[in-house]
Amino acid sequence: SDSLEVRNMRTLLSTILLNLFILASGPPAFTADGWETNITVTARTAEVRLSLGQRADATDGRDGLYDVPPMAGGEVSASFVHDDGTLWRDIRSTSTGIKTWTLRVVSSHTDEDVALTWTPQSLPADATAALVDSETGTRTDMRKNSRYTYKNTGVRDLSIELTR
């Protein structure tokens, strides 16, 4: 029988490998029953890639099949914030209405640019999508733009609002 330490190490290794597979393979822009896209957060040479989207068999809560928790952060960390933790990949249900993903970015590079980039074509054609900076109130149309940049002053919360 394995010790608790060995089991914990195996669980951690499995989680890391799953995260790497999901992030390296990249999501399809559209699937038969939903959509998925990446947002890349960059500060200097540090980069974090997040995924968000919708699937017919997902819920708006945490789903073990689709949602992936983050690994430890480095010079920049970014994740979607939920009531029950944080995620690197956050897939929601395809129900209509407004869906909001809260994105928290933390960078050790004060007064440096932090950039968020995405591919507008990978967002659903039948929806409006906006990136909202909670600190400045800036609202960016994600279907018309592919980048948002701000000066880092510490922890920054942004939201992605998708309306169908």
C-alpha atoms as a PDB file:
ATOM      1  CA  SER A   1       0.000   0.000   0.000  1.00  0.00           C
ATOM      2  CA  ASP A   2       1.315   3.437  -0.971  1.00  0.00           C
ATOM      3  CA  SER A   3       1.865   6.087   1.653  1.00  0.00           C
ATOM      4  CA  LEU A   4      -0.306   9.189   1.720  1.00  0.00           C
ATOM      5  CA  GLU A   5       2.664  11.197   0.455  1.00  0.00           C
ATOM      6  CA  VAL A   6       3.077   8.942  -2.615  1.00  0.00           C
ATOM      7  CA  ARG A   7      -0.666   9.086  -3.389  1.00  0.00           C
ATOM      8  CA  ASN A   8      -0.647  12.879  -3.091  1.00  0.00           C
ATOM      9  CA  MET A   9       2.362  13.079  -5.419  1.00  0.00           C
ATOM     10  CA  ARG A  10       0.615  10.841  -7.980  1.00  0.00           C
ATOM     11  CA  THR A  11      -2.519  12.982  -7.799  1.00  0.00           C
ATOM     12  CA  LEU A  12      -0.468  16.149  -8.279  1.00  0.00           C
ATOM     13  CA  LEU A  13       1.416  14.643 -11.214  1.00  0.00           C
ATOM     14  CA  SER A  14      -1.836  13.490 -12.837  1.00  0.00           C
ATOM     15  CA  THR A  15      -3.339  16.965 -12.450  1.00  0.00           C
ATOM     16  CA  ILE A  16      -0.245  18.623 -13.946  1.00  0.00           C
ATOM     17  CA  LEU A  17      -0.214  16.237 -16.902  1.00  0.00           C
ATOM     18  CA  LEU A  18      -3.931  16.780 -17.539  1.00  0.00           C
ATOM     19  CA  ASN A  19      -3.484  20.575 -17.390  1.00  0.00           C
ATOM     20  CA  LEU A  20      -0.538  20.415 -19.788  1.00  0.00           C
ATOM     21  CA  PHE A  21      -2.451  18.212 -22.218  1.00  0.00           C
ATOM     22  CA  ILE A  22      -5.500  20.492 -22.227  1.00  0.00           C
ATOM     23  CA  LEU A  23      -3.474  23.683 -22.569  1.00  0.00           C
ATOM     24  CA  ALA A  24      -1.037  22.302 -25.161  1.00  0.00           C
ATOM     25  CA  SER A  25      -3.703  20.783 -27.362  1.00  0.00           C
ATOM     26  CA  GLY A  26      -5.649  24.034 -27.499  1.00  0.00           C
ATOM     27  CA  PRO A  27      -9.410  24.065 -27.659  1.00  0.00           C
ATOM     28  CA  PRO A  28     -11.385  23.936 -30.883  1.00  0.00           C
ATOM     29  CA  ALA A  29     -13.012  27.252 -31.756  1.00  0.00           C
ATOM     30  CA  PHE A  30     -16.433  25.585 -32.094  1.00  0.00           C
ATOM     31  CA  THR A  31     -17.785  22.179 -31.238  1.00  0.00           C
ATOM     32  CA  ALA A  32     -21.069  20.561 -32.177  1.00  0.00           C
ATOM     33  CA  ASP A  33     -22.637  21.566 -28.874  1.00  0.00           C
ATOM     34  CA  GLY A  34     -20.736  24.700 -27.825  1.00  0.00           C
ATOM     35  CA  TRP A  35     -17.621  26.838 -28.226  1.00  0.00           C
ATOM     36  CA  GLU A  36     -14.293  27.449 -26.511  1.00  0.00           C
ATOM     37  CA  THR A  37     -11.564  30.078 -26.794  1.00  0.00           C
ATOM     38  CA  ASN A  38      -8.261  31.023 -25.166  1.00  0.00           C
ATOM     39  CA  ILE A  39      -7.234  34.227 -23.453  1.00  0.00           C
ATOM     40  CA  THR A  40      -3.495  34.759 -23.060  1.00  0.00           C
ATOM     41  CA  VAL A  41      -2.266  37.031 -20.262  1.00  0.00           C
ATOM     42  CA  THR A  42       1.286  38.369 -20.742  1.00  0.00           C
ATOM     43  CA  ALA A  43       3.540  40.486 -18.513  1.00  0.00           C
ATOM     44  CA  ARG A  44       7.081  40.929 -19.871  1.00  0.00           C
ATOM     45  CA  THR A  45       8.074  37.403 -20.902  1.00  0.00           C
ATOM     46  CA  ALA A  46       5.711  35.612 -18.485  1.00  0.00           C
ATOM     47  CA  GLU A  47       2.540  34.180 -19.980  1.00  0.00           C
ATOM     48  CA  VAL A  48      -0.576  32.339 -18.792  1.00  0.00           C
ATOM     49  CA  ARG A  49      -3.181  30.861 -21.137  1.00  0.00           C
ATOM     50  CA  LEU A  50      -6.768  30.438 -19.952  1.00  0.00           C
ATOM     51  CA  SER A  51      -9.738  28.793 -21.663  1.00  0.00           C
ATOM     52  CA  LEU A  52     -13.404  29.640 -21.419  1.00  0.00           C
ATOM     53  CA  GLY A  53     -16.459  28.514 -23.262  1.00  0.00           C
ATOM     54  CA  GLN A  54     -19.805  26.773 -23.176  1.00  0.00           C
ATOM     55  CA  ARG A  55     -20.956  23.176 -23.685  1.00  0.00           C
ATOM     56  CA  ALA A  56     -24.444  21.707 -23.649  1.00  0.00           C
ATOM     57  CA  ASP A  57     -23.565  19.165 -20.948  1.00  0.00           C
ATOM     58  CA  ALA A  58     -21.655  21.604 -18.693  1.00  0.00           C
ATOM     59  CA  THR A  59     -23.024  23.514 -15.716  1.00  0.00           C
ATOM     60  CA  ASP A  60     -22.256  27.039 -14.557  1.00  0.00           C
ATOM     61  CA  GLY A  61     -20.604  25.537 -11.477  1.00  0.00           C
ATOM     62  CA  ARG A  62     -17.407  23.516 -11.272  1.00  0.00           C
ATOM     63  CA  ASP A  63     -17.437  20.500 -13.626  1.00  0.00           C
ATOM     64  CA  GLY A  64     -14.749  17.843 -13.268  1.00  0.00           C
ATOM     65  CA  LEU A  65     -15.046  16.952 -16.952  1.00  0.00           C
ATOM     66  CA  TYR A  66     -14.290  20.448 -18.290  1.00  0.00           C
ATOM     67  CA  ASP A  67     -12.967  22.757 -15.588  1.00  0.00           C
ATOM     68  CA  VAL A  68      -9.260  22.739 -14.691  1.00  0.00           C
ATOM     69  CA  PRO A  69      -7.750  24.300 -11.552  1.00  0.00           C
ATOM     70  CA  PRO A  70      -4.573  26.395 -11.927  1.00  0.00           C
ATOM     71  CA  MET A  71      -1.081  25.277 -11.026  1.00  0.00           C
ATOM     72  CA  ALA A  72       1.222  27.477  -8.946  1.00  0.00           C
ATOM     73  CA  GLY A  73       1.853  30.904 -10.452  1.00  0.00           C
ATOM     74  CA  GLY A  74       5.103  32.615 -11.358  1.00  0.00           C
ATOM     75  CA  GLU A  75       5.788  36.228 -12.327  1.00  0.00           C
ATOM     76  CA  VAL A  76       2.226  36.471 -13.551  1.00  0.00           C
ATOM     77  CA  SER A  77      -0.753  34.416 -12.485  1.00  0.00           C
ATOM     78  CA  ALA A  78      -4.220  34.554 -13.948  1.00  0.00           C
ATOM     79  CA  SER A  79      -7.315  32.508 -13.289  1.00  0.00           C
ATOM     80  CA  PHE A  80     -11.086  32.587 -13.352  1.00  0.00           C
ATOM     81  CA  VAL A  81     -12.491  33.192  -9.873  1.00  0.00           C
ATOM     82  CA  HIS A  82     -15.390  31.069  -8.597  1.00  0.00           C
ATOM     83  CA  ASP A  83     -17.117  30.892  -5.232  1.00  0.00           C
ATOM     84  CA  ASP A  84     -15.371  27.558  -4.692  1.00  0.00           C
ATOM     85  CA  GLY A  85     -11.868  28.384  -5.986  1.00  0.00           C
ATOM     86  CA  THR A  86     -10.033  29.326  -9.167  1.00  0.00           C
ATOM     87  CA  LEU A  87      -9.784  27.776 -12.638  1.00  0.00           C
ATOM     88  CA  TRP A  88      -7.583  27.926 -15.735  1.00  0.00           C
ATOM     89  CA  ARG A  89     -10.315  26.391 -17.867  1.00  0.00           C
ATOM     90  CA  ASP A  90     -13.930  27.366 -17.170  1.00  0.00           C
ATOM     91  CA  ILE A  91     -16.658  25.861 -19.348  1.00  0.00           C
ATOM     92  CA  ARG A  92     -20.248  26.935 -18.642  1.00  0.00           C
ATOM     93  CA  SER A  93     -23.690  25.748 -19.752  1.00  0.00           C
ATOM     94  CA  THR A  94     -25.119  26.885 -23.094  1.00  0.00           C
ATOM     95  CA  SER A  95     -28.189  28.460 -21.507  1.00  0.00           C
ATOM     96  CA  THR A  96     -29.010  31.897 -22.916  1.00  0.00           C
ATOM     97  CA  GLY A  97     -28.739  35.198 -21.108  1.00  0.00           C
ATOM     98  CA  ILE A  98     -25.676  36.864 -19.629  1.00  0.00           C
ATOM     99  CA  LYS A  99     -22.703  34.718 -18.608  1.00  0.00           C
ATOM    100  CA  THR A 100     -19.921  36.395 -16.637  1.00  0.00           C
ATOM    101  CA  TRP A 101     -16.418  35.028 -16.103  1.00  0.00           C
ATOM    102  CA  THR A 102     -14.388  36.915 -13.461  1.00  0.00           C
ATOM    103  CA  LEU A 103     -10.703  36.954 -14.335  1.00  0.00           C
ATOM    104  CA  ARG A 104      -8.091  37.831 -11.677  1.00  0.00           C
ATOM    105  CA  VAL A 105      -4.567  38.798 -12.774  1.00  0.00           C
ATOM    106  CA  VAL A 106      -1.621  39.135 -10.381  1.00  0.00           C
ATOM    107  CA  SER A 107       1.808  40.240 -11.590  1.00  0.00           C
ATOM    108  CA  SER A 108       4.995  41.104  -9.752  1.00  0.00           C
ATOM    109  CA  HIS A 109       5.880  43.645 -12.480  1.00  0.00           C
ATOM    110  CA  THR A 110       4.516  46.898 -11.030  1.00  0.00           C
ATOM    111  CA  ASP A 111       4.056  49.770 -13.514  1.00  0.00           C
ATOM    112  CA  GLU A 112       4.629  47.351 -16.431  1.00  0.00           C
ATOM    113  CA  ASP A 113       2.122  46.554 -19.172  1.00  0.00           C
ATOM    114  CA  VAL A 114      -0.090  43.506 -18.800  1.00  0.00           C
ATOM    115  CA  ALA A 115      -1.713  42.381 -22.060  1.00  0.00           C
ATOM    116  CA  LEU A 116      -4.710  40.132 -22.593  1.00  0.00           C
ATOM    117  CA  THR A 117      -5.132  38.702 -26.100  1.00  0.00           C
ATOM    118  CA  TRP A 118      -7.755  36.489 -27.744  1.00  0.00           C
ATOM    119  CA  THR A 119      -9.122  35.504 -31.155  1.00  0.00           C
ATOM    120  CA  PRO A 120     -12.433  37.315 -31.851  1.00  0.00           C
ATOM    121  CA  GLN A 121     -13.454  34.730 -34.480  1.00  0.00           C
ATOM    122  CA  SER A 122     -13.468  31.988 -31.838  1.00  0.00           C
ATOM    123  CA  LEU A 123     -16.281  33.658 -29.903  1.00  0.00           C
ATOM    124  CA  PRO A 124     -19.844  32.583 -30.757  1.00  0.00           C
ATOM    125  CA  ALA A 125     -21.275  34.524 -33.700  1.00  0.00           C
ATOM    126  CA  ASP A 126     -24.709  34.808 -32.062  1.00  0.00           C
ATOM    127  CA  ALA A 127     -23.417  36.612 -28.952  1.00  0.00           C
ATOM    128  CA  THR A 128     -21.946  39.887 -27.795  1.00  0.00           C
ATOM    129  CA  ALA A 129     -18.786  39.677 -25.719  1.00  0.00           C
ATOM    130  CA  ALA A 130     -17.148  42.403 -23.634  1.00  0.00           C
ATOM    131  CA  LEU A 131     -14.030  42.522 -21.473  1.00  0.00           C
ATOM    132  CA  VAL A 132     -14.644  44.903 -18.558  1.00  0.00           C
ATOM    133  CA  ASP A 133     -11.798  46.305 -16.442  1.00  0.00           C
ATOM    134  CA  SER A 134     -13.196  46.764 -12.920  1.00  0.00           C
ATOM    135  CA  GLU A 135     -10.537  49.310 -11.960  1.00  0.00           C
ATOM    136  CA  THR A 136     -10.957  51.704 -14.899  1.00  0.00           C
ATOM    137  CA  GLY A 137     -14.444  50.809 -16.089  1.00  0.00           C
ATOM    138  CA  THR A 138     -13.063  50.323 -19.605  1.00  0.00           C
ATOM    139  CA  ARG A 139     -15.317  48.100 -21.701  1.00  0.00           C
ATOM    140  CA  THR A 140     -13.709  46.383 -24.710  1.00  0.00           C
ATOM    141  CA  ASP A 141     -15.789  44.741 -27.446  1.00  0.00           C
ATOM    142  CA  MET A 142     -14.118  41.332 -27.785  1.00  0.00           C
ATOM    143  CA  ARG A 143     -15.640  40.697 -31.218  1.00  0.00           C
ATOM    144  CA  LYS A 144     -14.077  43.886 -32.660  1.00  0.00           C
ATOM    145  CA  ASN A 145     -10.781  43.827 -30.733  1.00  0.00           C
ATOM    146  CA  SER A 146      -8.225  41.114 -29.988  1.00  0.00           C
ATOM    147  CA  ARG A 147      -6.183  42.830 -27.256  1.00  0.00           C
ATOM    148  CA  TYR A 148      -6.501  44.818 -24.035  1.00  0.00           C
ATOM    149  CA  THR A 149      -3.503  46.301 -22.207  1.00  0.00           C
ATOM    150  CA  TYR A 150      -3.227  48.037 -18.836  1.00  0.00           C
ATOM    151  CA  LYS A 151      -0.470  49.243 -16.480  1.00  0.00           C
ATOM    152  CA  ASN A 152      -0.048  46.830 -13.590  1.00  0.00           C
ATOM    153  CA  THR A 153      -0.774  48.312 -10.162  1.00  0.00           C
ATOM    154  CA  GLY A 154      -1.345  45.026  -8.326  1.00  0.00           C
ATOM    155  CA  VAL A 155      -4.198  42.558  -8.316  1.00  0.00           C
ATOM    156  CA  ARG A 156      -6.613  43.336 -11.169  1.00  0.00           C
ATOM    157  CA  ASP A 157     -10.079  41.892 -11.638  1.00  0.00           C
ATOM    158  CA  LEU A 158     -11.593  41.925 -15.096  1.00  0.00           C
ATOM    159  CA  SER A 159     -14.791  40.314 -16.284  1.00  0.00           C
ATOM    160  CA  ILE A 160     -15.863  38.756 -19.519  1.00  0.00           C
ATOM    161  CA  GLU A 161     -19.557  39.282 -20.210  1.00  0.00           C
ATOM    162  CA  LEU A 162     -21.150  37.133 -22.898  1.00  0.00           C
ATOM    163  CA  THR A 163     -24.760  37.799 -23.859  1.00  0.00           C
ATOM    164  CA  ARG A 164     -26.810  35.467 -26.070  1.00  0.00           C
END
